[in-house]
N, C-alpha and C. Protein backbone atom coordinates (compact mmCIF):
# COMPACT_ATOMS: atom_id res chain seq x y z
N MET A 1 -182.44 85.84 102.79
CA MET A 1 -181.92 86.13 104.12
C MET A 1 -181.67 84.84 104.90
N LEU A 2 -182.60 83.89 104.76
CA LEU A 2 -182.47 82.62 105.46
C LEU A 2 -181.23 81.85 104.98
N TRP A 3 -180.93 81.99 103.68
CA TRP A 3 -179.76 81.31 103.14
C TRP A 3 -178.47 81.88 103.74
N TRP A 4 -178.44 83.16 103.97
CA TRP A 4 -177.26 83.79 104.57
C TRP A 4 -177.05 83.29 106.00
N ILE A 5 -178.13 83.18 106.74
CA ILE A 5 -178.02 82.73 108.14
C ILE A 5 -177.57 81.27 108.17
N SER A 6 -178.22 80.44 107.36
CA SER A 6 -177.84 79.01 107.36
C SER A 6 -176.41 78.84 106.83
N GLY A 7 -176.03 79.61 105.84
CA GLY A 7 -174.66 79.55 105.33
C GLY A 7 -173.66 79.99 106.39
N GLY A 8 -174.00 81.02 107.15
CA GLY A 8 -173.13 81.49 108.23
C GLY A 8 -172.97 80.44 109.33
N VAL A 9 -174.08 79.77 109.67
CA VAL A 9 -174.04 78.72 110.69
C VAL A 9 -173.16 77.56 110.22
N VAL A 10 -173.33 77.19 108.96
CA VAL A 10 -172.53 76.09 108.40
C VAL A 10 -171.06 76.50 108.38
N LEU A 11 -170.77 77.72 107.97
CA LEU A 11 -169.38 78.19 107.93
C LEU A 11 -168.78 78.22 109.33
N LEU A 12 -169.55 78.72 110.30
CA LEU A 12 -169.07 78.73 111.69
C LEU A 12 -168.81 77.32 112.20
N ALA A 13 -169.72 76.40 111.86
CA ALA A 13 -169.54 75.01 112.28
C ALA A 13 -168.28 74.41 111.65
N LEU A 14 -168.02 74.73 110.39
CA LEU A 14 -166.82 74.22 109.73
C LEU A 14 -165.56 74.80 110.36
N ILE A 15 -165.59 76.07 110.73
CA ILE A 15 -164.43 76.68 111.38
C ILE A 15 -164.17 76.02 112.73
N VAL A 16 -165.24 75.79 113.52
CA VAL A 16 -165.10 75.13 114.82
C VAL A 16 -164.57 73.71 114.61
N LEU A 17 -165.10 73.02 113.62
CA LEU A 17 -164.63 71.66 113.33
C LEU A 17 -163.15 71.65 112.95
N ALA A 18 -162.73 72.62 112.15
CA ALA A 18 -161.32 72.69 111.74
C ALA A 18 -160.43 72.98 112.95
N LEU A 19 -160.86 73.87 113.84
CA LEU A 19 -160.06 74.16 115.04
C LEU A 19 -159.94 72.93 115.93
N ILE A 20 -161.02 72.22 116.11
CA ILE A 20 -160.99 71.00 116.93
C ILE A 20 -160.10 69.95 116.27
N ALA A 21 -160.18 69.82 114.96
CA ALA A 21 -159.33 68.86 114.24
C ALA A 21 -157.86 69.20 114.41
N LEU A 22 -157.52 70.50 114.34
CA LEU A 22 -156.13 70.91 114.54
C LEU A 22 -155.64 70.58 115.94
N ARG A 23 -156.49 70.77 116.95
CA ARG A 23 -156.11 70.41 118.32
C ARG A 23 -155.89 68.91 118.45
N VAL A 24 -156.78 68.13 117.84
CA VAL A 24 -156.65 66.67 117.92
C VAL A 24 -155.37 66.21 117.23
N VAL A 25 -155.07 66.79 116.08
CA VAL A 25 -153.84 66.44 115.36
C VAL A 25 -152.62 66.79 116.21
N GLY A 26 -152.65 67.94 116.88
CA GLY A 26 -151.54 68.31 117.76
C GLY A 26 -151.39 67.34 118.91
N SER A 27 -152.51 66.93 119.50
CA SER A 27 -152.45 65.96 120.60
C SER A 27 -151.92 64.62 120.12
N LEU A 28 -152.37 64.20 118.95
CA LEU A 28 -151.89 62.93 118.40
C LEU A 28 -150.40 62.99 118.09
N ARG A 29 -149.95 64.14 117.65
CA ARG A 29 -148.53 64.30 117.36
C ARG A 29 -147.71 64.19 118.65
N ARG A 30 -148.17 64.86 119.70
CA ARG A 30 -147.46 64.77 120.99
C ARG A 30 -147.51 63.34 121.52
N PHE A 31 -148.64 62.67 121.33
CA PHE A 31 -148.75 61.28 121.75
C PHE A 31 -147.76 60.40 120.98
N GLY A 32 -147.62 60.64 119.69
CA GLY A 32 -146.68 59.88 118.87
C GLY A 32 -145.25 60.09 119.33
N ILE A 33 -144.90 61.33 119.66
CA ILE A 33 -143.55 61.63 120.14
C ILE A 33 -143.30 60.91 121.47
N ALA A 34 -144.30 60.96 122.36
CA ALA A 34 -144.16 60.29 123.66
C ALA A 34 -144.04 58.78 123.48
N ALA A 35 -144.83 58.23 122.55
CA ALA A 35 -144.78 56.78 122.31
C ALA A 35 -143.41 56.37 121.76
N GLN A 36 -142.85 57.16 120.87
CA GLN A 36 -141.52 56.86 120.34
C GLN A 36 -140.46 56.94 121.43
N SER A 37 -140.59 57.91 122.30
CA SER A 37 -139.64 58.05 123.40
C SER A 37 -139.71 56.85 124.33
N LEU A 38 -140.93 56.44 124.66
CA LEU A 38 -141.10 55.26 125.53
C LEU A 38 -140.58 54.00 124.85
N GLN A 39 -140.79 53.88 123.55
CA GLN A 39 -140.30 52.72 122.82
C GLN A 39 -138.77 52.67 122.85
N ARG A 40 -138.12 53.83 122.66
CA ARG A 40 -136.66 53.87 122.73
C ARG A 40 -136.17 53.48 124.12
N ARG A 41 -136.84 53.99 125.16
CA ARG A 41 -136.43 53.66 126.52
C ARG A 41 -136.62 52.17 126.81
N LEU A 42 -137.70 51.61 126.29
CA LEU A 42 -137.96 50.18 126.48
C LEU A 42 -136.88 49.34 125.81
N LEU A 43 -136.53 49.68 124.59
CA LEU A 43 -135.48 48.94 123.88
C LEU A 43 -134.13 49.09 124.57
N ASP A 44 -133.85 50.29 125.07
CA ASP A 44 -132.60 50.51 125.80
C ASP A 44 -132.55 49.66 127.06
N GLY A 45 -133.65 49.62 127.80
CA GLY A 45 -133.71 48.80 129.00
C GLY A 45 -133.55 47.32 128.69
N GLN A 46 -134.17 46.89 127.60
CA GLN A 46 -134.06 45.49 127.20
C GLN A 46 -132.61 45.15 126.85
N GLN A 47 -131.94 46.03 126.13
CA GLN A 47 -130.55 45.78 125.74
C GLN A 47 -129.64 45.76 126.97
N ARG A 48 -129.96 46.57 127.98
CA ARG A 48 -129.15 46.58 129.19
C ARG A 48 -129.38 45.32 130.04
N LEU A 49 -130.61 44.83 130.04
CA LEU A 49 -130.93 43.68 130.86
C LEU A 49 -130.51 42.35 130.25
N GLU A 50 -130.46 42.30 128.94
CA GLU A 50 -130.19 41.04 128.25
C GLU A 50 -128.91 40.33 128.71
N PRO A 51 -127.76 41.00 128.84
CA PRO A 51 -126.56 40.31 129.30
C PRO A 51 -126.72 39.75 130.73
N HIS A 52 -127.40 40.52 131.58
CA HIS A 52 -127.60 40.05 132.96
C HIS A 52 -128.50 38.81 132.99
N LEU A 53 -129.53 38.81 132.16
CA LEU A 53 -130.41 37.65 132.10
C LEU A 53 -129.67 36.42 131.57
N LEU A 54 -128.82 36.61 130.59
CA LEU A 54 -128.05 35.48 130.06
C LEU A 54 -127.11 34.91 131.13
N ARG A 55 -126.46 35.82 131.89
CA ARG A 55 -125.59 35.35 132.96
C ARG A 55 -126.38 34.60 134.04
N LEU A 56 -127.55 35.12 134.36
CA LEU A 56 -128.39 34.46 135.36
C LEU A 56 -128.83 33.08 134.88
N GLN A 57 -129.17 32.98 133.62
CA GLN A 57 -129.56 31.68 133.06
C GLN A 57 -128.39 30.71 133.08
N GLU A 58 -127.20 31.17 132.73
CA GLU A 58 -126.02 30.31 132.77
C GLU A 58 -125.74 29.84 134.20
N THR A 59 -125.89 30.73 135.16
CA THR A 59 -125.68 30.36 136.56
C THR A 59 -126.69 29.31 137.00
N ALA A 60 -127.94 29.51 136.62
CA ALA A 60 -128.98 28.54 136.99
C ALA A 60 -128.71 27.18 136.35
N GLU A 61 -128.27 27.18 135.10
CA GLU A 61 -127.95 25.92 134.43
C GLU A 61 -126.74 25.25 135.07
N ALA A 62 -125.77 26.05 135.50
CA ALA A 62 -124.59 25.47 136.14
C ALA A 62 -124.94 24.89 137.51
N MET A 63 -125.91 25.45 138.18
CA MET A 63 -126.30 24.97 139.51
C MET A 63 -127.20 23.74 139.44
N GLN A 64 -127.80 23.48 138.29
CA GLN A 64 -128.77 22.40 138.16
C GLN A 64 -128.21 21.03 138.58
N PRO A 65 -127.03 20.59 138.11
CA PRO A 65 -126.54 19.27 138.53
C PRO A 65 -126.30 19.20 140.05
N ARG A 66 -125.78 20.27 140.59
CA ARG A 66 -125.53 20.30 142.04
C ARG A 66 -126.85 20.20 142.82
N LEU A 67 -127.86 20.90 142.37
CA LEU A 67 -129.17 20.84 143.04
C LEU A 67 -129.79 19.45 142.92
N GLU A 68 -129.61 18.82 141.77
CA GLU A 68 -130.14 17.46 141.60
C GLU A 68 -129.42 16.49 142.55
N ALA A 69 -128.10 16.64 142.69
CA ALA A 69 -127.35 15.78 143.61
C ALA A 69 -127.81 16.00 145.04
N MET A 70 -128.04 17.27 145.41
CA MET A 70 -128.52 17.56 146.76
C MET A 70 -129.91 16.99 146.99
N GLN A 71 -130.74 17.02 145.96
CA GLN A 71 -132.08 16.46 146.09
C GLN A 71 -132.00 14.94 146.28
N GLU A 72 -131.11 14.29 145.55
CA GLU A 72 -130.93 12.84 145.72
C GLU A 72 -130.45 12.51 147.13
N GLN A 73 -129.50 13.31 147.63
CA GLN A 73 -129.01 13.08 149.00
C GLN A 73 -130.13 13.29 150.01
N ALA A 74 -130.94 14.29 149.80
CA ALA A 74 -132.06 14.54 150.72
C ALA A 74 -133.04 13.39 150.70
N LEU A 75 -133.29 12.82 149.53
CA LEU A 75 -134.20 11.67 149.44
C LEU A 75 -133.61 10.45 150.15
N ILE A 76 -132.30 10.26 149.99
CA ILE A 76 -131.64 9.14 150.67
C ILE A 76 -131.73 9.31 152.18
N ILE A 77 -131.44 10.51 152.66
CA ILE A 77 -131.52 10.77 154.11
C ILE A 77 -132.95 10.58 154.60
N GLN A 78 -133.90 11.05 153.84
CA GLN A 78 -135.31 10.92 154.24
C GLN A 78 -135.71 9.45 154.26
N ALA A 79 -135.21 8.66 153.29
CA ALA A 79 -135.52 7.24 153.27
C ALA A 79 -134.89 6.53 154.47
N ARG A 80 -133.65 6.91 154.83
CA ARG A 80 -132.99 6.31 155.99
C ARG A 80 -133.75 6.63 157.27
N ARG A 81 -134.22 7.86 157.38
CA ARG A 81 -134.99 8.24 158.57
C ARG A 81 -136.31 7.46 158.64
N GLY A 82 -136.87 7.24 157.47
CA GLY A 82 -138.10 6.45 157.43
C GLY A 82 -137.83 5.01 157.87
N ASP A 83 -136.69 4.44 157.46
CA ASP A 83 -136.32 3.08 157.87
C ASP A 83 -136.01 3.04 159.35
N ALA A 84 -135.40 4.08 159.86
CA ALA A 84 -135.05 4.10 161.28
C ALA A 84 -136.28 4.22 162.14
N ASP A 85 -137.30 4.90 161.68
CA ASP A 85 -138.52 5.05 162.46
C ASP A 85 -139.30 3.75 162.51
N ASN A 86 -139.20 2.91 161.50
CA ASN A 86 -139.95 1.65 161.46
C ASN A 86 -139.23 0.65 162.26
């Protein structure tokens, strides 16, 4: 009789374990689908942004010589003001 009770408890525990495992597998599957969706959206956003970033970089590189010239002029003006104050 004791063997029947312990066998029933073990069988019930295995059924509960199987049900929980099925729920976990379902959750993992939904998580995988969501992760793939987010990955696709991330790649799409990256592909859309890439041309804009390249244009921005080209603009910054084109402005660099002009900014350097302006910085030199500012240093010259600052040096002249320093000479005028002395």
